Protein backbone atom coordinates (compact mmCIF):
# COMPACT_ATOMS: atom_id res chain seq x y z
CA MET A 1 1.62 -2.96 -20.58
CA PRO A 2 0.58 -4.48 -17.24
CA GLU A 3 -1.08 -7.87 -17.24
CA SER A 4 -3.54 -6.55 -14.68
CA LEU A 5 -3.65 -3.09 -13.19
CA LEU A 6 -4.84 -3.37 -9.62
CA THR A 7 -5.72 -0.92 -6.88
CA PRO A 8 -2.60 -0.57 -4.72
CA GLY A 9 -2.89 -1.97 -1.22
CA PRO A 10 -2.12 -0.08 2.02
CA PHE A 11 0.69 2.42 1.70
CA PHE A 12 2.75 2.21 4.87
CA PHE A 13 4.75 5.47 4.62
CA PRO A 14 2.42 8.46 5.13
CA ASP A 15 4.89 11.16 4.05
CA TYR A 16 5.69 9.86 0.56
CA HIS A 17 3.49 9.63 -2.50
CA TYR A 18 4.34 7.91 -5.76
CA ASN A 19 2.58 6.94 -8.93
CA LEU A 20 2.46 3.16 -8.89
CA ASN A 21 1.83 0.50 -11.48
CA VAL A 22 0.88 -2.77 -9.81
CA TYR A 23 1.26 -5.97 -11.81
CA GLN A 24 -0.46 -9.26 -11.17
CA ILE A 25 1.38 -12.50 -11.96
CA ASP A 26 -1.30 -15.00 -12.83
CA ASP A 27 0.86 -18.13 -13.13
CA ILE A 28 3.86 -17.98 -10.81
CA ASP A 29 5.19 -21.45 -11.68
CA ASN A 30 5.13 -20.78 -15.39
CA PHE A 31 6.84 -17.42 -14.94
CA LEU A 32 9.62 -18.95 -12.84
CA SER A 33 10.11 -21.61 -15.49
CA VAL A 34 10.67 -18.91 -18.11
CA PHE A 35 13.80 -18.00 -16.13
CA ASP A 36 14.92 -21.66 -16.09
CA ILE A 37 14.08 -22.17 -12.42
CA ASP A 38 13.21 -25.79 -11.69
CA ILE A 39 9.98 -25.51 -9.74
CA ASP A 40 9.98 -29.28 -9.07
CA LYS A 41 13.30 -29.20 -7.21
CA PRO A 42 12.61 -29.87 -3.50
CA GLN A 43 12.92 -26.71 -1.39
CA TYR A 44 12.63 -25.98 2.30
CA VAL A 45 9.31 -24.29 3.06
CA GLY A 46 9.09 -22.50 6.38
CA ASP A 47 6.83 -19.63 7.40
CA HIS A 48 4.62 -17.91 4.85
CA ALA A 49 6.58 -14.65 5.10
CA HIS A 50 9.62 -16.37 3.57
CA TYR A 51 7.88 -18.57 1.01
CA TRP A 52 10.52 -18.88 -1.69
CA LYS A 53 8.42 -18.42 -4.83
CA HIS A 54 7.11 -15.08 -3.59
CA HIS A 55 10.67 -14.00 -2.77
CA VAL A 56 11.84 -14.70 -6.31
CA VAL A 57 9.05 -14.01 -8.77
CA ASN A 58 8.51 -10.32 -7.97
CA HIS A 59 12.09 -9.41 -8.87
CA LEU A 60 11.99 -11.47 -12.04
CA LYS A 61 8.72 -9.85 -13.08
CA ALA A 62 10.22 -6.39 -12.58
CA ILE A 63 13.38 -7.24 -14.50
CA SER A 64 11.32 -8.61 -17.39
CA LEU A 65 9.52 -5.26 -17.66
CA SER A 66 12.47 -2.91 -17.16
CA SER A 67 13.96 -0.95 -20.05
CA ALA A 68 16.57 0.70 -17.82
CA ASP A 69 20.28 -0.03 -17.59
CA TYR A 70 20.18 -0.36 -13.80
CA ILE A 71 17.45 -1.17 -11.31
CA VAL A 72 17.04 -0.84 -7.53
CA PHE A 73 15.05 -3.41 -5.58
CA ALA A 74 13.88 -2.48 -2.08
CA ASP A 75 11.55 -4.14 0.38
CA ASN A 76 8.83 -1.77 1.50
CA ASP A 77 9.99 -1.94 5.13
CA CYS A 78 13.49 -0.65 4.28
CA TRP A 79 14.53 2.95 3.76
CA ILE A 80 17.66 5.08 3.51
CA VAL A 81 18.41 6.96 6.74
CA ASP A 82 21.85 8.42 6.03
CA GLN A 83 23.90 9.46 3.02
CA PRO A 84 26.12 12.51 2.26
CA GLU A 85 24.24 15.67 1.36
CA GLY A 86 23.81 15.96 -2.38
CA GLU A 87 24.93 12.36 -2.95
CA SER A 88 23.13 9.08 -3.47
CA TRP A 89 24.19 5.52 -2.76
CA ILE A 90 22.66 4.66 -6.15
CA GLU A 91 25.00 7.01 -8.05
CA HIS A 92 27.91 5.62 -6.02
CA GLY A 93 26.78 2.07 -6.81
CA ILE A 94 26.45 2.69 -10.54
CA GLU A 95 30.00 4.02 -10.68
CA LEU A 96 31.20 0.87 -8.91
CA LEU A 97 29.28 -1.50 -11.17
CA GLN A 98 30.59 0.29 -14.24
CA SER A 99 34.20 -0.12 -13.13
CA ASN A 100 34.13 -3.60 -11.59
CA LYS A 101 32.82 -6.56 -13.58
CA ASP A 102 33.24 -8.88 -10.60
CA MET A 103 30.63 -6.93 -8.67
CA PHE A 104 27.13 -8.40 -9.15
CA ILE A 105 25.08 -6.20 -6.80
CA VAL A 106 25.65 -3.14 -4.60
CA SER A 107 23.83 -2.65 -1.29
CA PRO A 108 23.67 0.36 1.01
CA ASN A 109 25.22 -0.13 4.42
CA ASP A 110 23.42 -2.45 6.83
CA GLY A 111 25.19 -1.45 10.04
CA GLU A 112 28.16 -3.75 9.48
CA PRO A 113 31.51 -2.68 7.98
CA GLU A 114 31.98 -1.90 4.30
CA ARG A 115 32.82 -5.19 2.60
CA THR A 116 32.66 -7.52 -0.37
CA THR A 117 30.86 -10.78 0.34
CA LEU A 118 29.12 -13.76 -1.17
CA ARG A 119 26.40 -13.57 1.46
CA MET A 120 23.48 -11.83 -0.19
CA SER A 121 20.53 -9.79 1.00
CA GLN A 122 17.54 -8.91 -1.14
CA GLN A 123 16.27 -6.19 1.19
CA MET A 124 17.76 -3.35 -0.87
CA PHE A 125 20.23 -3.56 -3.75
CA LEU A 126 21.27 -2.15 -7.12
CA VAL A 127 22.09 -4.33 -10.15
CA LYS A 128 22.65 -4.11 -13.89
CA VAL A 129 19.40 -5.06 -15.62
CA ASP A 130 20.89 -7.17 -18.41
CA GLU A 131 23.21 -9.02 -16.05
CA PHE A 132 20.42 -9.78 -13.61
CA ARG A 133 18.10 -10.86 -16.40
CA ASN A 134 20.65 -13.41 -17.64
CA ALA A 135 21.79 -14.75 -14.26
CA ASP A 136 21.48 -18.42 -13.33
CA PHE A 137 19.00 -18.49 -10.45
CA ASN A 138 18.54 -22.26 -10.43
CA GLN A 139 20.91 -22.74 -7.46
CA PRO A 140 24.03 -24.07 -9.22
CA GLY A 141 26.17 -25.94 -6.69
CA TYR A 142 23.51 -26.13 -3.96
CA SER A 143 23.57 -29.47 -2.14
CA GLY A 144 19.80 -29.51 -1.73
CA ASN A 145 20.05 -29.82 2.06
CA PRO A 146 19.83 -26.55 4.02
CA LYS A 147 21.34 -28.30 7.06
CA ASP A 148 24.67 -28.30 5.20
CA TYR A 149 24.90 -24.50 5.62
CA ASP A 150 25.00 -21.90 8.40
CA THR A 151 22.15 -19.75 7.08
CA MET A 152 18.45 -19.85 7.83
CA PRO A 153 16.99 -22.77 5.84
CA GLU A 154 14.71 -20.54 3.71
CA TYR A 155 17.71 -18.55 2.42
CA HIS A 156 18.76 -21.01 -0.28
CA ALA A 157 15.49 -20.98 -2.22
CA MET A 158 14.82 -17.26 -1.80
CA LEU A 159 16.31 -14.80 -4.28
CA GLU A 160 19.20 -13.89 -1.98
CA GLY A 161 20.37 -17.48 -1.78
CA ARG A 162 19.97 -17.94 -5.51
CA MET A 163 22.07 -14.81 -6.09
CA GLU A 164 24.80 -16.28 -3.91
CA TYR A 165 24.89 -19.54 -5.88
CA HIS A 166 24.97 -17.60 -9.14
CA CYS A 167 27.91 -15.53 -7.85
CA ARG A 168 29.79 -18.60 -6.68
CA GLN A 169 29.51 -19.90 -10.22
CA SER A 170 30.27 -16.61 -11.98
CA GLY A 171 33.07 -15.47 -9.66
CA GLN A 172 31.22 -12.33 -8.60
CA PHE A 173 30.24 -10.84 -5.26
CA ARG A 174 28.06 -8.35 -3.42
CA TYR A 175 29.53 -5.01 -2.36
CA VAL A 176 28.17 -3.33 0.79
CA CYS A 177 28.69 0.43 0.92
CA PRO A 178 30.44 2.23 3.81
CA SER A 179 28.45 3.57 6.74
CA GLN A 180 27.74 6.98 5.24
CA TYR A 181 25.26 5.24 2.93
CA ARG A 182 23.05 3.65 5.60
CA TYR A 183 19.66 1.99 5.29
CA PHE A 184 17.36 0.73 8.01
CA HIS A 185 15.02 -2.28 8.11
CA HIS A 186 12.08 -2.37 10.49
CA ASN A 187 8.60 -3.74 9.97
CA VAL A 188 6.68 -2.84 13.11
CA LEU A 189 3.55 -0.79 12.45
CA THR A 190 2.35 2.17 14.51
CA GLU A 191 -1.17 2.38 15.88
CA ASN A 192 -2.10 4.25 12.67
CA GLY A 193 -1.02 1.33 10.52
CA TYR A 194 2.17 2.91 9.15
CA PHE A 195 5.74 1.66 9.49
CA ASP A 196 7.46 3.24 12.47
CA THR A 197 10.28 5.18 10.79
CA ASP A 198 11.61 6.74 14.01
CA TYR A 199 14.65 4.48 14.07
CA LYS A 200 16.30 6.44 16.90
CA LYS A 201 13.32 5.82 19.17
CA LEU A 202 13.58 2.15 18.23
CA GLY A 203 17.07 2.03 19.74
CA TRP A 204 19.21 2.39 16.65
CA ARG A 205 22.04 4.92 17.12
């Protein structure tokens, strides 16, 4: 049952309608601690949009509630724009996760070549629920100094950075699907207050 059922905020995609359960996390620090995340460890704090606790706790809350075998996480300014008719990148990803234990997450294509990588993105990905629930997200192996790395400084404390450090420890990786399973990320709003989903007008392919 939800801790608090709230009225959903603005819905930025006018053509899609879903039944939503919205959950309020009353004590973020305590919830992060339940997953063995050291909230007292110094972290780089940049702009509010990339504040690390907010970029970690939502996924952990969802995984704590899920009774599924697999789960998809997706930022609300990301959407699938291309995949073969009658197919789904999620079905493709489940088959891959079932057959490859070294694969931690599967992502749809981001415009770059199909690949395996340790560089993570939390914009949209598929993962096994039990494996994600038991992952070490306390940055094993992180030096504590973002200047030691070639990523944006916020990356290391956000979920995507924590997934990378977990995978470096566990020997796993992220798989990015080929271009026929393409997603798009864009967060500019139209004059009506909705995300502009006309990616071709925005200069993409």
